[in-house]
C-alpha atoms as a PDB file:
ATOM      1  CA  MET A   1    -102.404 -48.121 128.806  1.00  0.00           C
ATOM      2  CA  LYS A   2    -105.290 -50.467 129.400  1.00  0.00           C
ATOM      3  CA  ARG A   3    -106.166 -50.391 125.695  1.00  0.00           C
ATOM      4  CA  LEU A   4    -102.523 -50.993 124.694  1.00  0.00           C
ATOM      5  CA  PHE A   5    -102.322 -53.924 127.119  1.00  0.00           C
ATOM      6  CA  THR A   6    -105.462 -55.377 125.592  1.00  0.00           C
ATOM      7  CA  HIS A   7    -103.959 -55.114 122.102  1.00  0.00           C
ATOM      8  CA  TRP A   8    -100.835 -56.952 123.291  1.00  0.00           C
ATOM      9  CA  LEU A   9    -102.940 -59.747 124.777  1.00  0.00           C
ATOM     10  CA  THR A  10    -104.858 -60.042 121.517  1.00  0.00           C
ATOM     11  CA  LEU A  11    -101.631 -60.212 119.493  1.00  0.00           C
ATOM     12  CA  LEU A  12    -100.146 -62.865 121.770  1.00  0.00           C
ATOM     13  CA  SER A  13    -103.348 -64.854 121.507  1.00  0.00           C
ATOM     14  CA  LEU A  14    -103.237 -64.730 117.704  1.00  0.00           C
ATOM     15  CA  LEU A  15     -99.593 -65.762 117.633  1.00  0.00           C
ATOM     16  CA  SER A  16    -100.244 -68.654 119.986  1.00  0.00           C
ATOM     17  CA  SER A  17    -103.207 -69.871 117.982  1.00  0.00           C
ATOM     18  CA  GLY A  18    -101.148 -69.572 114.803  1.00  0.00           C
ATOM     19  CA  LEU A  19     -98.532 -71.921 116.203  1.00  0.00           C
ATOM     20  CA  SER A  20    -101.160 -74.613 116.506  1.00  0.00           C
ATOM     21  CA  PHE A  21    -101.444 -74.651 112.705  1.00  0.00           C
ATOM     22  CA  VAL A  22     -97.720 -75.410 112.207  1.00  0.00           C
ATOM     23  CA  GLN A  23     -97.908 -79.129 111.655  1.00  0.00           C
ATOM     24  CA  ALA A  24     -95.346 -81.668 110.640  1.00  0.00           C
ATOM     25  CA  SER A  25     -95.609 -82.647 106.994  1.00  0.00           C
ATOM     26  CA  GLU A  26     -94.209 -85.411 104.795  1.00  0.00           C
ATOM     27  CA  VAL A  27     -91.859 -84.795 101.882  1.00  0.00           C
ATOM     28  CA  LYS A  28     -91.829 -87.265  99.004  1.00  0.00           C
ATOM     29  CA  ILE A  29     -88.352 -87.774  97.556  1.00  0.00           C
ATOM     30  CA  ALA A  30     -87.197 -89.676  94.477  1.00  0.00           C
ATOM     31  CA  ALA A  31     -83.559 -90.735  94.929  1.00  0.00           C
ATOM     32  CA  ALA A  32     -81.028 -92.665  92.882  1.00  0.00           C
ATOM     33  CA  ALA A  33     -80.457 -96.234  94.065  1.00  0.00           C
ATOM     34  CA  SER A  34     -76.821 -95.448  94.873  1.00  0.00           C
ATOM     35  CA  LEU A  35     -78.083 -93.216  97.710  1.00  0.00           C
ATOM     36  CA  THR A  36     -79.957 -96.021  99.475  1.00  0.00           C
ATOM     37  CA  PHE A  37     -77.679 -96.124 102.523  1.00  0.00           C
ATOM     38  CA  VAL A  38     -76.417 -92.558 102.274  1.00  0.00           C
ATOM     39  CA  LEU A  39     -79.705 -90.752 102.783  1.00  0.00           C
ATOM     40  CA  GLU A  40     -80.846 -92.765 105.797  1.00  0.00           C
ATOM     41  CA  ASN A  41     -78.710 -90.869 108.301  1.00  0.00           C
ATOM     42  CA  ILE A  42     -79.484 -87.506 106.739  1.00  0.00           C
ATOM     43  CA  VAL A  43     -83.209 -88.210 106.777  1.00  0.00           C
ATOM     44  CA  ASP A  44     -83.092 -89.362 110.403  1.00  0.00           C
ATOM     45  CA  GLN A  45     -81.166 -86.239 111.394  1.00  0.00           C
ATOM     46  CA  PHE A  46     -83.552 -83.938 109.507  1.00  0.00           C
ATOM     47  CA  GLN A  47     -86.631 -85.578 110.999  1.00  0.00           C
ATOM     48  CA  GLN A  48     -85.279 -85.284 114.534  1.00  0.00           C
ATOM     49  CA  GLU A  49     -84.360 -81.633 114.080  1.00  0.00           C
ATOM     50  CA  THR A  50     -87.528 -80.460 112.326  1.00  0.00           C
ATOM     51  CA  GLY A  51     -90.295 -82.904 113.186  1.00  0.00           C
ATOM     52  CA  HIS A  52     -91.106 -83.302 109.493  1.00  0.00           C
ATOM     53  CA  LYS A  53     -91.230 -86.677 107.758  1.00  0.00           C
ATOM     54  CA  VAL A  54     -89.332 -87.704 104.651  1.00  0.00           C
ATOM     55  CA  LYS A  55     -90.446 -90.587 102.441  1.00  0.00           C
ATOM     56  CA  VAL A  56     -87.818 -91.742  99.946  1.00  0.00           C
ATOM     57  CA  SER A  57     -88.390 -93.928  96.883  1.00  0.00           C
ATOM     58  CA  TYR A  58     -85.215 -95.459  95.416  1.00  0.00           C
ATOM     59  CA  ALA A  59     -84.645 -96.616  91.836  1.00  0.00           C
ATOM     60  CA  SER A  60     -82.293 -95.988  88.949  1.00  0.00           C
ATOM     61  CA  SER A  61     -82.136 -92.351  87.882  1.00  0.00           C
ATOM     62  CA  SER A  62     -83.578 -93.224  84.482  1.00  0.00           C
ATOM     63  CA  THR A  63     -86.519 -95.092  86.021  1.00  0.00           C
ATOM     64  CA  LEU A  64     -87.312 -92.209  88.369  1.00  0.00           C
ATOM     65  CA  THR A  65     -87.051 -89.719  85.504  1.00  0.00           C
ATOM     66  CA  HIS A  66     -89.617 -91.727  83.564  1.00  0.00           C
ATOM     67  CA  GLN A  67     -91.929 -91.907  86.588  1.00  0.00           C
ATOM     68  CA  ILE A  68     -91.711 -88.155  87.128  1.00  0.00           C
ATOM     69  CA  MET A  69     -92.489 -87.512  83.460  1.00  0.00           C
ATOM     70  CA  GLN A  70     -95.556 -89.715  83.920  1.00  0.00           C
ATOM     71  CA  GLY A  71     -96.745 -87.567  86.822  1.00  0.00           C
ATOM     72  CA  ALA A  72     -95.417 -89.381  89.895  1.00  0.00           C
ATOM     73  CA  PRO A  73     -96.084 -87.096  92.905  1.00  0.00           C
ATOM     74  CA  PHE A  74     -92.489 -86.468  94.004  1.00  0.00           C
ATOM     75  CA  GLU A  75     -91.335 -83.103  95.318  1.00  0.00           C
ATOM     76  CA  ILE A  76     -87.549 -83.506  95.050  1.00  0.00           C
ATOM     77  CA  PHE A  77     -85.471 -85.600  92.677  1.00  0.00           C
ATOM     78  CA  LEU A  78     -81.920 -86.571  93.670  1.00  0.00           C
ATOM     79  CA  SER A  79     -80.286 -87.918  90.544  1.00  0.00           C
ATOM     80  CA  ALA A  80     -76.965 -89.719  90.341  1.00  0.00           C
ATOM     81  CA  ASP A  81     -76.251 -87.654  87.236  1.00  0.00           C
ATOM     82  CA  GLU A  82     -77.264 -84.203  86.041  1.00  0.00           C
ATOM     83  CA  SER A  83     -78.229 -85.364  82.550  1.00  0.00           C
ATOM     84  CA  TYR A  84     -81.548 -86.689  83.891  1.00  0.00           C
ATOM     85  CA  VAL A  85     -82.257 -83.351  85.534  1.00  0.00           C
ATOM     86  CA  LYS A  86     -81.831 -81.665  82.164  1.00  0.00           C
ATOM     87  CA  ARG A  87     -84.347 -84.071  80.628  1.00  0.00           C
ATOM     88  CA  LEU A  88     -86.927 -83.043  83.200  1.00  0.00           C
ATOM     89  CA  GLN A  89     -86.199 -79.373  82.633  1.00  0.00           C
ATOM     90  CA  GLU A  90     -86.992 -79.871  78.965  1.00  0.00           C
ATOM     91  CA  LYS A  91     -90.392 -81.227  80.015  1.00  0.00           C
ATOM     92  CA  ASN A  92     -91.074 -78.129  82.168  1.00  0.00           C
ATOM     93  CA  VAL A  93     -91.880 -80.089  85.324  1.00  0.00           C
ATOM     94  CA  THR A  94     -89.264 -78.436  87.522  1.00  0.00           C
ATOM     95  CA  LYS A  95     -89.274 -75.382  89.779  1.00  0.00           C
ATOM     96  CA  ASN A  96     -85.592 -74.529  89.296  1.00  0.00           C
ATOM     97  CA  ASP A  97     -82.403 -75.561  87.523  1.00  0.00           C
ATOM     98  CA  GLY A  98     -81.346 -77.730  90.423  1.00  0.00           C
ATOM     99  CA  LYS A  99     -78.080 -77.824  92.307  1.00  0.00           C
ATOM    100  CA  ILE A 100     -75.182 -80.240  92.521  1.00  0.00           C
ATOM    101  CA  TYR A 101     -75.383 -81.826  95.971  1.00  0.00           C
ATOM    102  CA  ALA A 102     -72.393 -84.213  95.729  1.00  0.00           C
ATOM    103  CA  TYR A 103     -69.888 -85.847  93.385  1.00  0.00           C
ATOM    104  CA  GLY A 104     -69.996 -89.549  92.615  1.00  0.00           C
ATOM    105  CA  GLN A 105     -66.973 -91.785  93.203  1.00  0.00           C
ATOM    106  CA  LEU A 106     -66.467 -95.173  91.555  1.00  0.00           C
ATOM    107  CA  THR A 107     -64.832 -98.169  93.229  1.00  0.00           C
ATOM    108  CA  ILE A 108     -63.803-101.677  92.269  1.00  0.00           C
ATOM    109  CA  PHE A 109     -64.984-104.262  94.788  1.00  0.00           C
ATOM    110  CA  ILE A 110     -63.525-107.779  95.030  1.00  0.00           C
ATOM    111  CA  PRO A 111     -65.208-110.329  97.345  1.00  0.00           C
ATOM    112  CA  ASN A 112     -63.109-112.125  99.968  1.00  0.00           C
ATOM    113  CA  GLU A 113     -63.314-115.541  98.329  1.00  0.00           C
ATOM    114  CA  GLN A 114     -62.140-114.132  95.023  1.00  0.00           C
ATOM    115  CA  HIS A 115     -58.897-113.004  96.657  1.00  0.00           C
ATOM    116  CA  LYS A 116     -58.060-116.625  97.330  1.00  0.00           C
ATOM    117  CA  THR A 117     -58.713-117.921  93.829  1.00  0.00           C
ATOM    118  CA  SER A 118     -57.448-115.265  91.431  1.00  0.00           C
ATOM    119  CA  ALA A 119     -54.982-112.458  90.918  1.00  0.00           C
ATOM    120  CA  ALA A 120     -57.805-109.911  90.965  1.00  0.00           C
ATOM    121  CA  LEU A 121     -57.165-107.220  93.536  1.00  0.00           C
ATOM    122  CA  PRO A 122     -58.858-103.846  93.884  1.00  0.00           C
ATOM    123  CA  ASN A 123     -56.486-101.235  92.501  1.00  0.00           C
ATOM    124  CA  PRO A 124     -57.062 -97.735  91.044  1.00  0.00           C
ATOM    125  CA  ASP A 125     -55.999 -98.339  87.423  1.00  0.00           C
ATOM    126  CA  LEU A 126     -57.779-101.733  87.107  1.00  0.00           C
ATOM    127  CA  SER A 127     -54.531-103.387  85.991  1.00  0.00           C
ATOM    128  CA  GLU A 128     -55.027-106.300  88.415  1.00  0.00           C
ATOM    129  CA  LEU A 129     -58.478-106.886  86.949  1.00  0.00           C
ATOM    130  CA  LYS A 130     -56.927-106.941  83.488  1.00  0.00           C
ATOM    131  CA  LEU A 131     -54.370-109.510  84.675  1.00  0.00           C
ATOM    132  CA  ALA A 132     -57.105-111.697  86.162  1.00  0.00           C
ATOM    133  CA  LEU A 133     -58.983-111.598  82.864  1.00  0.00           C
ATOM    134  CA  GLU A 134     -55.847-112.648  81.000  1.00  0.00           C
ATOM    135  CA  ASN A 135     -55.455-115.572  83.430  1.00  0.00           C
ATOM    136  CA  ASN A 136     -59.126-116.564  83.020  1.00  0.00           C
ATOM    137  CA  THR A 137     -59.747-116.351  86.775  1.00  0.00           C
ATOM    138  CA  ILE A 138     -62.708-113.992  86.494  1.00  0.00           C
ATOM    139  CA  LYS A 139     -65.909-115.793  85.535  1.00  0.00           C
ATOM    140  CA  HIS A 140     -68.584-113.209  86.322  1.00  0.00           C
ATOM    141  CA  PHE A 141     -68.260-109.466  86.854  1.00  0.00           C
ATOM    142  CA  SER A 142     -70.962-106.900  87.480  1.00  0.00           C
ATOM    143  CA  ILE A 143     -71.614-103.231  86.786  1.00  0.00           C
ATOM    144  CA  PRO A 144     -74.860-101.246  86.751  1.00  0.00           C
ATOM    145  CA  ASN A 145     -76.497-101.151  83.346  1.00  0.00           C
ATOM    146  CA  PRO A 146     -74.815 -98.273  81.443  1.00  0.00           C
ATOM    147  CA  ALA A 147     -78.069 -97.556  79.614  1.00  0.00           C
ATOM    148  CA  LEU A 148     -79.985 -97.053  82.852  1.00  0.00           C
ATOM    149  CA  ALA A 149     -77.627 -96.013  85.629  1.00  0.00           C
ATOM    150  CA  PRO A 150     -75.069 -93.167  85.730  1.00  0.00           C
ATOM    151  CA  TYR A 151     -72.618 -95.333  87.683  1.00  0.00           C
ATOM    152  CA  GLY A 152     -72.946 -97.922  84.961  1.00  0.00           C
ATOM    153  CA  ARG A 153     -72.041 -95.324  82.378  1.00  0.00           C
ATOM    154  CA  ILE A 154     -68.844 -94.293  84.161  1.00  0.00           C
ATOM    155  CA  ALA A 155     -68.048 -97.943  84.932  1.00  0.00           C
ATOM    156  CA  LYS A 156     -68.112 -98.631  81.197  1.00  0.00           C
ATOM    157  CA  GLN A 157     -65.910 -95.588  80.616  1.00  0.00           C
ATOM    158  CA  ALA A 158     -63.388 -96.867  83.158  1.00  0.00           C
ATOM    159  CA  LEU A 159     -63.282-100.332  81.611  1.00  0.00           C
ATOM    160  CA  GLU A 160     -62.821 -98.836  78.156  1.00  0.00           C
ATOM    161  CA  GLN A 161     -60.057 -96.511  79.329  1.00  0.00           C
ATOM    162  CA  ALA A 162     -58.333 -99.481  80.994  1.00  0.00           C
ATOM    163  CA  ASN A 163     -58.557-101.339  77.652  1.00  0.00           C
ATOM    164  CA  ILE A 164     -60.509-104.283  79.056  1.00  0.00           C
ATOM    165  CA  TRP A 165     -64.079-103.566  77.926  1.00  0.00           C
ATOM    166  CA  LYS A 166     -63.925-106.016  75.012  1.00  0.00           C
ATOM    167  CA  GLU A 167     -62.524-108.801  77.179  1.00  0.00           C
ATOM    168  CA  ILE A 168     -64.870-108.337  80.097  1.00  0.00           C
ATOM    169  CA  SER A 169     -68.122-107.707  78.194  1.00  0.00           C
ATOM    170  CA  PRO A 170     -69.034-111.417  77.767  1.00  0.00           C
ATOM    171  CA  LEU A 171     -68.625-111.916  81.528  1.00  0.00           C
ATOM    172  CA  LEU A 172     -70.771-109.000  82.622  1.00  0.00           C
ATOM    173  CA  ILE A 173     -73.899-109.340  84.713  1.00  0.00           C
ATOM    174  CA  LEU A 174     -75.671-106.003  84.507  1.00  0.00           C
ATOM    175  CA  GLY A 175     -77.597-104.673  87.470  1.00  0.00           C
ATOM    176  CA  GLU A 176     -80.728-102.663  86.777  1.00  0.00           C
ATOM    177  CA  ASN A 177     -79.250-100.100  89.143  1.00  0.00           C
ATOM    178  CA  ALA A 178     -76.334 -99.733  91.551  1.00  0.00           C
ATOM    179  CA  SER A 179     -78.188-101.425  94.414  1.00  0.00           C
ATOM    180  CA  GLN A 180     -78.889-104.554  92.375  1.00  0.00           C
ATOM    181  CA  THR A 181     -75.237-104.677  91.373  1.00  0.00           C
ATOM    182  CA  ALA A 182     -74.293-104.587  95.059  1.00  0.00           C
ATOM    183  CA  MET A 183     -76.792-107.386  95.672  1.00  0.00           C
ATOM    184  CA  PHE A 184     -74.942-109.584  93.167  1.00  0.00           C
ATOM    185  CA  VAL A 185     -71.813-109.104  95.279  1.00  0.00           C
ATOM    186  CA  ASN A 186     -73.758-109.702  98.491  1.00  0.00           C
ATOM    187  CA  THR A 187     -75.064-113.041  97.206  1.00  0.00           C
ATOM    188  CA  GLN A 188     -71.631-114.061  95.869  1.00  0.00           C
ATOM    189  CA  ALA A 189     -72.998-114.298  92.346  1.00  0.00           C
ATOM    190  CA  VAL A 190     -70.017-112.437  90.861  1.00  0.00           C
ATOM    191  CA  ASP A 191     -66.238-112.331  91.240  1.00  0.00           C
ATOM    192  CA  GLY A 192     -66.123-108.552  91.399  1.00  0.00           C
ATOM    193  CA  ALA A 193     -67.963-105.358  90.555  1.00  0.00           C
ATOM    194  CA  LEU A 194     -67.635-101.665  89.843  1.00  0.00           C
ATOM    195  CA  LEU A 195     -69.798 -99.860  92.364  1.00  0.00           C
ATOM    196  CA  PRO A 196     -70.511 -96.469  93.890  1.00  0.00           C
ATOM    197  CA  HIS A 197     -68.174 -95.785  96.791  1.00  0.00           C
ATOM    198  CA  SER A 198     -71.204 -95.486  99.082  1.00  0.00           C
ATOM    199  CA  LEU A 199     -72.306 -99.070  98.434  1.00  0.00           C
ATOM    200  CA  ALA A 200     -68.766-100.475  98.515  1.00  0.00           C
ATOM    201  CA  ILE A 201     -68.391 -99.088 102.044  1.00  0.00           C
ATOM    202  CA  VAL A 202     -71.498-100.975 103.171  1.00  0.00           C
ATOM    203  CA  LEU A 203     -70.337-104.265 101.624  1.00  0.00           C
ATOM    204  CA  HIS A 204     -66.906-103.865 103.198  1.00  0.00           C
ATOM    205  CA  GLN A 205     -68.444-103.173 106.610  1.00  0.00           C
ATOM    206  CA  LYS A 206     -70.370-106.419 106.256  1.00  0.00           C
ATOM    207  CA  GLY A 207     -67.052-108.231 105.805  1.00  0.00           C
ATOM    208  CA  LEU A 208     -67.768-109.261 102.215  1.00  0.00           C
ATOM    209  CA  GLY A 209     -64.552-108.055 100.633  1.00  0.00           C
ATOM    210  CA  ASN A 210     -62.316-105.108  99.868  1.00  0.00           C
ATOM    211  CA  PHE A 211     -62.487-102.153  97.538  1.00  0.00           C
ATOM    212  CA  GLN A 212     -60.399 -99.371  96.045  1.00  0.00           C
ATOM    213  CA  LEU A 213     -61.380 -96.061  94.526  1.00  0.00           C
ATOM    214  CA  VAL A 214     -60.979 -96.200  90.764  1.00  0.00           C
ATOM    215  CA  SER A 215     -58.730 -93.471  89.403  1.00  0.00           C
ATOM    216  CA  ASN A 216     -60.854 -90.510  88.346  1.00  0.00           C
ATOM    217  CA  LYS A 217     -58.651 -90.296  85.249  1.00  0.00           C
ATOM    218  CA  LEU A 218     -60.565 -93.300  83.895  1.00  0.00           C
ATOM    219  CA  TYR A 219     -64.020 -91.694  83.899  1.00  0.00           C
ATOM    220  CA  SER A 220     -65.684 -88.309  83.615  1.00  0.00           C
ATOM    221  CA  ARG A 221     -66.708 -86.530  86.816  1.00  0.00           C
ATOM    222  CA  LEU A 222     -70.149 -87.504  87.989  1.00  0.00           C
ATOM    223  CA  ASN A 223     -72.071 -84.413  89.081  1.00  0.00           C
ATOM    224  CA  GLN A 224     -74.956 -85.582  91.225  1.00  0.00           C
ATOM    225  CA  ARG A 225     -77.672 -82.960  90.842  1.00  0.00           C
ATOM    226  CA  MET A 226     -81.002 -82.525  92.582  1.00  0.00           C
ATOM    227  CA  LEU A 227     -83.965 -80.332  91.792  1.00  0.00           C
ATOM    228  CA  LEU A 228     -87.333 -79.245  93.093  1.00  0.00           C
ATOM    229  CA  LEU A 229     -90.332 -80.450  91.134  1.00  0.00           C
ATOM    230  CA  ASP A 230     -93.615 -78.705  90.460  1.00  0.00           C
ATOM    231  CA  GLY A 231     -95.795 -78.652  93.543  1.00  0.00           C
ATOM    232  CA  ALA A 232     -92.886 -78.839  95.988  1.00  0.00           C
ATOM    233  CA  SER A 233     -93.992 -77.816  99.464  1.00  0.00           C
ATOM    234  CA  GLU A 234     -92.271 -75.462 101.901  1.00  0.00           C
ATOM    235  CA  THR A 235     -90.998 -78.513 103.753  1.00  0.00           C
ATOM    236  CA  ALA A 236     -89.522 -79.833 100.493  1.00  0.00           C
ATOM    237  CA  HIS A 237     -87.679 -76.534 100.081  1.00  0.00           C
ATOM    238  CA  LEU A 238     -86.421 -76.903 103.641  1.00  0.00           C
ATOM    239  CA  PHE A 239     -85.038 -80.400 103.025  1.00  0.00           C
ATOM    240  CA  TYR A 240     -83.582 -79.344  99.669  1.00  0.00           C
ATOM    241  CA  ASN A 241     -81.566 -76.577 101.341  1.00  0.00           C
ATOM    242  CA  TYR A 242     -80.680 -78.864 104.246  1.00  0.00           C
ATOM    243  CA  LEU A 243     -78.799 -81.182 101.874  1.00  0.00           C
ATOM    244  CA  LEU A 244     -76.438 -78.340 100.958  1.00  0.00           C
ATOM    245  CA  GLN A 245     -75.457 -77.537 104.539  1.00  0.00           C
ATOM    246  CA  ASP A 246     -72.411 -78.720 106.495  1.00  0.00           C
ATOM    247  CA  ARG A 247     -74.225 -81.337 108.560  1.00  0.00           C
ATOM    248  CA  ALA A 248     -75.645 -83.143 105.544  1.00  0.00           C
ATOM    249  CA  GLN A 249     -72.484 -82.716 103.490  1.00  0.00           C
ATOM    250  CA  LYS A 250     -70.402 -84.379 106.211  1.00  0.00           C
ATOM    251  CA  ILE A 251     -72.701 -87.390 106.092  1.00  0.00           C
ATOM    252  CA  PHE A 252     -72.348 -87.535 102.314  1.00  0.00           C
ATOM    253  CA  VAL A 253     -68.554 -87.623 102.682  1.00  0.00           C
ATOM    254  CA  GLU A 254     -68.664 -90.223 105.460  1.00  0.00           C
ATOM    255  CA  ASN A 255     -70.664 -92.416 103.109  1.00  0.00           C
ATOM    256  CA  GLY A 256     -68.401 -92.171 100.093  1.00  0.00           C
ATOM    257  CA  LEU A 257     -69.500 -89.109  98.123  1.00  0.00           C
ATOM    258  CA  GLY A 258     -67.449 -86.053  97.252  1.00  0.00           C
ATOM    259  CA  SER A 259     -68.647 -82.859  98.931  1.00  0.00           C
ATOM    260  CA  ILE A 260     -69.540 -79.617  97.182  1.00  0.00           C
ATOM    261  CA  LEU A 261     -68.121 -77.703 100.174  1.00  0.00           C
ATOM    262  CA  SER A 262     -64.410 -76.948 100.258  1.00  0.00           C
ATOM    263  CA  ASN A 263     -64.298 -77.168 104.052  1.00  0.00           C
ATOM    264  CA  VAL A 264     -65.583 -80.762 104.081  1.00  0.00           C
ATOM    265  CA  GLU A 265     -62.790 -83.245 103.479  1.00  0.00           C
ATOM    266  CA  ILE A 266     -63.306 -85.657 100.594  1.00  0.00           C
ATOM    267  CA  LYS A 267     -62.304 -89.214 101.397  1.00  0.00           C
ATOM    268  CA  LYS A 268     -59.561 -90.647  99.263  1.00  0.00           C
END
């Protein structure tokens, strides 16, 4: 019995000493600019629950894809569109095929002052925007650059489907990414914009104007996919899986994204 007791003490000692090596680590994330305000609450929640740190770098999905191809030391890439994930897979710099973490939703945002001076109102089929263009009451309009940003690509689709792309093109101020497009609204440089729902919510909360979800019949569904990159740590795997769980998915929905989980209500 004495020998058995000694073995137990030794085992407990080893386990205790092992715990001292479990240290908080930092995960380096590359995230689409449209997630700028969405990820903050999820990151804060994750850090409080696990003790690990998360460092997020935001830019357009195309810019981040280029940086990753050039060897930028990210562990997870959260793209606003799965096409960029496929590009990285072709370069063999990924650990898996990735997973869809949310669905993008497009909105039309009209600043408060614009309501007073034109017929432009935020509506799902963009017919009010078309009317404002016909009445020459829209001088400047903004969307993310379709060549760089996924939300710009679907914004162009929506404008084409609404038969106003030709008319509005000369008035467009293109943002390098979704965040810069929102900045144009914030600084009152434009009379309206097509934006991610997540950023439209923030602008509305600041009292800058009103928005409406654009009908999803006007653009193809935006599958927002993430993936683990070569060299991803155990903590990166932990955060990656965390984004697929109820707690994170609820925050995505609260901030304007469509959830991948059927039991999480998608805002209309």
